[in-house]
C-alpha cells in the first residue's frame, strides 16, 4: 500500500479539523465566512475519505480518521479557542493515540 493513501487520510483529517473549527467559529451559522468554511471543510474531508476507502476497509479508515480528528481538534480547541483540557481528558487522548499505534503496528486489517 502506498504512502499516498495515508497522505489522503491526513488531508481528510485536516479538512475535517478545519470544518469543525469553523463550526465553532461560525457561532451557530450566524457568521458567513466560518459557515462557508464548515461546508468546504467537510466536503474536502469526505472527498479524501472516499479516496482512502478504495484501499483501506471502512472500519479501520473511520477509526483512524476519527481518532486523529479528535486528537487534532482537541489541540486546535486548546490553542485557537482557549479551551482547557484536564488530566482525564489528556489521558483519554493518549489512549486514542495508543489505539492508533496498535492498529498500525500490530493489526493485519490494514493489509486490504
C-alpha atoms as a PDB file:
ATOM      1  CA  UNK A   1       0.000   0.000   0.000  1.00  0.00           C
ATOM      2  CA  UNK A   2       1.399   3.342  -0.956  1.00  0.00           C
ATOM      3  CA  UNK A   3       2.100   6.283   1.295  1.00  0.00           C
ATOM      4  CA  UNK A   4      -0.326   8.240  -0.887  1.00  0.00           C
ATOM      5  CA  UNK A   5      -3.258   6.531   0.886  1.00  0.00           C
ATOM      6  CA  UNK A   6      -2.068   7.800   4.255  1.00  0.00           C
ATOM      7  CA  UNK A   7      -1.435  11.233   2.778  1.00  0.00           C
ATOM      8  CA  UNK A   8      -5.080  11.274   1.631  1.00  0.00           C
ATOM      9  CA  UNK A   9      -6.113  10.253   5.140  1.00  0.00           C
ATOM     10  CA  UNK A  10      -4.090  13.077   6.692  1.00  0.00           C
ATOM     11  CA  UNK A  11      -5.594  15.542   4.211  1.00  0.00           C
ATOM     12  CA  UNK A  12      -9.102  14.262   5.057  1.00  0.00           C
ATOM     13  CA  UNK A  13      -8.396  14.758   8.762  1.00  0.00           C
ATOM     14  CA  UNK A  14      -7.015  18.254   8.112  1.00  0.00           C
ATOM     15  CA  UNK A  15     -10.167  19.228   6.180  1.00  0.00           C
ATOM     16  CA  UNK A  16     -12.384  17.734   8.887  1.00  0.00           C
ATOM     17  CA  UNK A  17     -10.485  19.601  11.596  1.00  0.00           C
ATOM     18  CA  UNK A  18     -10.778  22.837   9.624  1.00  0.00           C
ATOM     19  CA  UNK A  19     -14.522  22.284   9.167  1.00  0.00           C
ATOM     20  CA  UNK A  20     -15.027  21.550  12.842  1.00  0.00           C
ATOM     21  CA  UNK A  21     -13.018  24.615  13.893  1.00  0.00           C
ATOM     22  CA  UNK A  22     -15.116  26.713  11.505  1.00  0.00           C
ATOM     23  CA  UNK A  23     -18.244  25.216  13.050  1.00  0.00           C
ATOM     24  CA  UNK A  24     -17.151  26.622  16.409  1.00  0.00           C
ATOM     25  CA  UNK A  25     -16.215  29.964  14.853  1.00  0.00           C
ATOM     26  CA  UNK A  26     -19.482  30.227  12.881  1.00  0.00           C
ATOM     27  CA  UNK A  27     -21.444  30.793  16.100  1.00  0.00           C
ATOM     28  CA  UNK A  28     -24.304  28.528  15.025  1.00  0.00           C
ATOM     29  CA  UNK A  29     -24.030  29.615  11.371  1.00  0.00           C
ATOM     30  CA  UNK A  30     -24.504  33.299  12.147  1.00  0.00           C
ATOM     31  CA  UNK A  31     -21.135  34.313  10.635  1.00  0.00           C
ATOM     32  CA  UNK A  32     -20.775  33.950   6.856  1.00  0.00           C
ATOM     33  CA  UNK A  33     -17.113  33.053   6.281  1.00  0.00           C
ATOM     34  CA  UNK A  34     -16.763  30.479   9.041  1.00  0.00           C
ATOM     35  CA  UNK A  35     -20.102  28.993   7.923  1.00  0.00           C
ATOM     36  CA  UNK A  36     -18.751  28.594   4.398  1.00  0.00           C
ATOM     37  CA  UNK A  37     -15.610  27.061   5.917  1.00  0.00           C
ATOM     38  CA  UNK A  38     -17.747  24.378   7.556  1.00  0.00           C
ATOM     39  CA  UNK A  39     -19.080  23.239   4.189  1.00  0.00           C
ATOM     40  CA  UNK A  40     -15.694  23.490   2.476  1.00  0.00           C
ATOM     41  CA  UNK A  41     -14.002  21.582   5.301  1.00  0.00           C
ATOM     42  CA  UNK A  42     -16.462  18.723   5.409  1.00  0.00           C
ATOM     43  CA  UNK A  43     -16.722  18.475   1.610  1.00  0.00           C
ATOM     44  CA  UNK A  44     -12.940  18.176   1.371  1.00  0.00           C
ATOM     45  CA  UNK A  45     -12.867  15.687   4.246  1.00  0.00           C
ATOM     46  CA  UNK A  46     -15.402  13.374   2.625  1.00  0.00           C
ATOM     47  CA  UNK A  47     -13.784  13.707  -0.804  1.00  0.00           C
ATOM     48  CA  UNK A  48     -10.429  12.456   0.522  1.00  0.00           C
ATOM     49  CA  UNK A  49     -12.069   9.969   2.916  1.00  0.00           C
ATOM     50  CA  UNK A  50     -13.690   8.235  -0.069  1.00  0.00           C
ATOM     51  CA  UNK A  51     -10.311   8.040  -1.831  1.00  0.00           C
ATOM     52  CA  UNK A  52      -8.853   6.248   1.204  1.00  0.00           C
ATOM     53  CA  UNK A  53     -11.750   3.772   1.199  1.00  0.00           C
ATOM     54  CA  UNK A  54     -10.532   2.448  -2.153  1.00  0.00           C
ATOM     55  CA  UNK A  55      -7.546   0.961  -0.297  1.00  0.00           C
ATOM     56  CA  UNK A  56      -8.449   0.536   3.374  1.00  0.00           C
ATOM     57  CA  UNK A  57     -11.526  -1.078   4.942  1.00  0.00           C
ATOM     58  CA  UNK A  58     -14.247   1.247   6.246  1.00  0.00           C
ATOM     59  CA  UNK A  59     -13.893   0.347   9.928  1.00  0.00           C
ATOM     60  CA  UNK A  60     -10.161   0.857  10.007  1.00  0.00           C
ATOM     61  CA  UNK A  61     -10.342   4.058   7.977  1.00  0.00           C
ATOM     62  CA  UNK A  62     -13.058   5.537  10.167  1.00  0.00           C
ATOM     63  CA  UNK A  63     -11.204   4.581  13.359  1.00  0.00           C
ATOM     64  CA  UNK A  64      -8.037   6.280  12.146  1.00  0.00           C
ATOM     65  CA  UNK A  65      -9.895   9.314  10.785  1.00  0.00           C
ATOM     66  CA  UNK A  66     -11.944   9.886  13.903  1.00  0.00           C
ATOM     67  CA  UNK A  67      -9.050   9.206  16.298  1.00  0.00           C
ATOM     68  CA  UNK A  68      -6.713  11.570  14.513  1.00  0.00           C
ATOM     69  CA  UNK A  69      -9.514  14.117  14.151  1.00  0.00           C
ATOM     70  CA  UNK A  70     -10.359  14.022  17.863  1.00  0.00           C
ATOM     71  CA  UNK A  71      -6.718  14.475  18.773  1.00  0.00           C
ATOM     72  CA  UNK A  72      -6.150  17.327  16.335  1.00  0.00           C
ATOM     73  CA  UNK A  73      -9.372  19.215  17.104  1.00  0.00           C
ATOM     74  CA  UNK A  74      -8.592  18.986  20.821  1.00  0.00           C
ATOM     75  CA  UNK A  75      -5.257  20.671  20.106  1.00  0.00           C
ATOM     76  CA  UNK A  76      -6.977  23.326  17.952  1.00  0.00           C
ATOM     77  CA  UNK A  77      -9.573  23.928  20.664  1.00  0.00           C
ATOM     78  CA  UNK A  78      -6.804  24.454  23.186  1.00  0.00           C
ATOM     79  CA  UNK A  79      -4.584  26.686  21.035  1.00  0.00           C
ATOM     80  CA  UNK A  80      -7.130  28.645  18.984  1.00  0.00           C
ATOM     81  CA  UNK A  81     -10.218  28.805  21.193  1.00  0.00           C
ATOM     82  CA  UNK A  82      -8.531  28.699  24.612  1.00  0.00           C
ATOM     83  CA  UNK A  83     -10.435  25.583  25.669  1.00  0.00           C
ATOM     84  CA  UNK A  84      -8.929  23.752  28.611  1.00  0.00           C
ATOM     85  CA  UNK A  85      -8.438  20.014  28.928  1.00  0.00           C
ATOM     86  CA  UNK A  86      -7.995  18.279  32.266  1.00  0.00           C
ATOM     87  CA  UNK A  87      -5.895  15.254  33.168  1.00  0.00           C
ATOM     88  CA  UNK A  88      -8.610  12.663  32.428  1.00  0.00           C
ATOM     89  CA  UNK A  89      -9.107  14.320  29.037  1.00  0.00           C
ATOM     90  CA  UNK A  90      -5.389  14.140  28.311  1.00  0.00           C
ATOM     91  CA  UNK A  91      -5.309  10.500  29.368  1.00  0.00           C
ATOM     92  CA  UNK A  92      -8.226   9.769  27.040  1.00  0.00           C
ATOM     93  CA  UNK A  93      -6.395  11.429  24.141  1.00  0.00           C
ATOM     94  CA  UNK A  94      -3.295   9.368  24.994  1.00  0.00           C
ATOM     95  CA  UNK A  95      -5.402   6.196  24.839  1.00  0.00           C
ATOM     96  CA  UNK A  96      -6.750   7.227  21.427  1.00  0.00           C
ATOM     97  CA  UNK A  97      -3.196   7.759  20.156  1.00  0.00           C
ATOM     98  CA  UNK A  98      -2.182   4.405  21.656  1.00  0.00           C
ATOM     99  CA  UNK A  99      -5.092   2.755  19.837  1.00  0.00           C
ATOM    100  CA  UNK A 100      -3.997   4.258  16.536  1.00  0.00           C
ATOM    101  CA  UNK A 101      -0.467   2.977  17.120  1.00  0.00           C
ATOM    102  CA  UNK A 102      -1.744  -0.516  17.975  1.00  0.00           C
ATOM    103  CA  UNK A 103      -3.746  -0.609  14.748  1.00  0.00           C
ATOM    104  CA  UNK A 104      -0.769   0.436  12.655  1.00  0.00           C
ATOM    105  CA  UNK A 105       1.872  -1.650  14.377  1.00  0.00           C
ATOM    106  CA  UNK A 106       0.021  -4.883  15.090  1.00  0.00           C
ATOM    107  CA  UNK A 107      -3.202  -5.174  13.083  1.00  0.00           C
ATOM    108  CA  UNK A 108      -3.323  -7.092   9.828  1.00  0.00           C
ATOM    109  CA  UNK A 109      -6.552  -5.268   8.953  1.00  0.00           C
ATOM    110  CA  UNK A 110      -4.605  -2.560   7.117  1.00  0.00           C
ATOM    111  CA  UNK A 111      -3.415  -5.167   4.610  1.00  0.00           C
ATOM    112  CA  UNK A 112      -6.538  -4.714   2.475  1.00  0.00           C
END
